C-alpha atoms as a PDB file:
ATOM      1  CA  MET A   1      78.770 161.557 105.609  1.00  0.00           C
ATOM      2  CA  ASP A   2      78.707 162.502 109.304  1.00  0.00           C
ATOM      3  CA  GLY A   3      77.263 165.993 108.826  1.00  0.00           C
ATOM      4  CA  GLY A   4      78.985 169.191 107.901  1.00  0.00           C
ATOM      5  CA  ASN A   5      78.892 171.982 105.422  1.00  0.00           C
ATOM      6  CA  PRO A   6      80.954 171.291 102.282  1.00  0.00           C
ATOM      7  CA  ASP A   7      82.738 174.622 102.826  1.00  0.00           C
ATOM      8  CA  GLU A   8      84.003 173.650 106.290  1.00  0.00           C
ATOM      9  CA  TYR A   9      87.094 171.764 107.440  1.00  0.00           C
ATOM     10  CA  TRP A  10      87.885 169.671 110.511  1.00  0.00           C
ATOM     11  CA  PHE A  11      91.059 168.352 112.052  1.00  0.00           C
ATOM     12  CA  CYS A  12      91.054 164.661 112.933  1.00  0.00           C
ATOM     13  CA  VAL A  13      93.005 164.055 116.142  1.00  0.00           C
ATOM     14  CA  LYS A  14      93.115 160.312 115.444  1.00  0.00           C
ATOM     15  CA  HIS A  15      94.763 160.573 112.011  1.00  0.00           C
ATOM     16  CA  HIS A  16      96.328 164.053 112.380  1.00  0.00           C
ATOM     17  CA  ARG A  17      94.880 165.314 109.114  1.00  0.00           C
ATOM     18  CA  VAL A  18      92.476 167.906 107.781  1.00  0.00           C
ATOM     19  CA  GLU A  19      89.142 166.441 106.748  1.00  0.00           C
ATOM     20  CA  THR A  20      86.194 167.567 104.661  1.00  0.00           C
ATOM     21  CA  PRO A  21      82.635 166.213 104.616  1.00  0.00           C
ATOM     22  CA  GLU A  22      83.686 163.757 101.901  1.00  0.00           C
ATOM     23  CA  ASP A  23      86.208 161.951 104.144  1.00  0.00           C
ATOM     24  CA  MET A  24      85.359 162.620 107.798  1.00  0.00           C
ATOM     25  CA  CYS A  25      86.020 160.454 110.825  1.00  0.00           C
ATOM     26  CA  PRO A  26      83.367 160.282 113.573  1.00  0.00           C
ATOM     27  CA  ALA A  27      82.750 163.527 115.447  1.00  0.00           C
ATOM     28  CA  ARG A  28      84.521 162.276 118.589  1.00  0.00           C
ATOM     29  CA  HIS A  29      87.817 162.408 116.674  1.00  0.00           C
ATOM     30  CA  ARG A  30      87.395 165.887 115.173  1.00  0.00           C
ATOM     31  CA  LEU A  31      88.128 169.485 116.102  1.00  0.00           C
ATOM     32  CA  GLY A  32      86.208 172.151 114.251  1.00  0.00           C
ATOM     33  CA  PRO A  33      84.582 173.139 112.077  1.00  0.00           C
ATOM     34  CA  TYR A  34      86.968 175.692 110.604  1.00  0.00           C
ATOM     35  CA  SER A  35      86.300 178.014 107.680  1.00  0.00           C
ATOM     36  CA  THR A  36      89.603 177.359 105.955  1.00  0.00           C
ATOM     37  CA  ARG A  37      91.977 174.451 105.480  1.00  0.00           C
ATOM     38  CA  ALA A  38      94.765 176.566 107.008  1.00  0.00           C
ATOM     39  CA  GLU A  39      92.778 177.102 110.226  1.00  0.00           C
ATOM     40  CA  ALA A  40      92.134 173.361 110.477  1.00  0.00           C
ATOM     41  CA  GLU A  41      95.820 172.582 109.874  1.00  0.00           C
ATOM     42  CA  HIS A  42      96.693 174.657 112.960  1.00  0.00           C
ATOM     43  CA  ALA A  43      93.908 173.292 115.161  1.00  0.00           C
ATOM     44  CA  LEU A  44      96.206 171.520 117.615  1.00  0.00           C
ATOM     45  CA  GLU A  45      98.408 174.590 117.994  1.00  0.00           C
ATOM     46  CA  ARG A  46      95.380 176.768 118.681  1.00  0.00           C
ATOM     47  CA  ALA A  47      93.983 174.251 121.183  1.00  0.00           C
ATOM     48  CA  GLU A  48      97.311 174.224 123.022  1.00  0.00           C
ATOM     49  CA  GLU A  49      97.360 178.035 123.123  1.00  0.00           C
ATOM     50  CA  ARG A  50      93.842 178.115 124.561  1.00  0.00           C
ATOM     51  CA  ASN A  51      94.705 175.496 127.182  1.00  0.00           C
ATOM     52  CA  GLU A  52      97.691 177.573 128.274  1.00  0.00           C
ATOM     53  CA  GLU A  53      95.511 180.702 128.454  1.00  0.00           C
ATOM     54  CA  TRP A  54      92.907 178.871 130.551  1.00  0.00           C
ATOM     55  CA  ASP A  55      95.577 177.407 132.839  1.00  0.00           C
ATOM     56  CA  ALA A  56      97.027 180.867 133.367  1.00  0.00           C
ATOM     57  CA  ALA A  57      93.580 182.280 134.110  1.00  0.00           C
ATOM     58  CA  ASP A  58      92.924 179.469 136.614  1.00  0.00           C
ATOM     59  CA  GLY A  59      96.139 180.399 138.401  1.00  0.00           C
ATOM     60  CA  GLU A  60      94.929 183.985 138.886  1.00  0.00           C
ATOM     61  CA  ASP A  61      92.121 182.969 141.255  1.00  0.00           C
END
């Protein structure tokens, strides 16, 4: 196991799946941790939203 609380979830960007401490890829491939499976399932969407927000904020300078 590569660390992690058994009640947390990660999203693996290499395999595009939700992972738990029992079946985790190395940390360099993961986003998280998330408190729920549903949050982890939407990790890429949330990351894209944040990137768009940051890009917009950069354009305001």
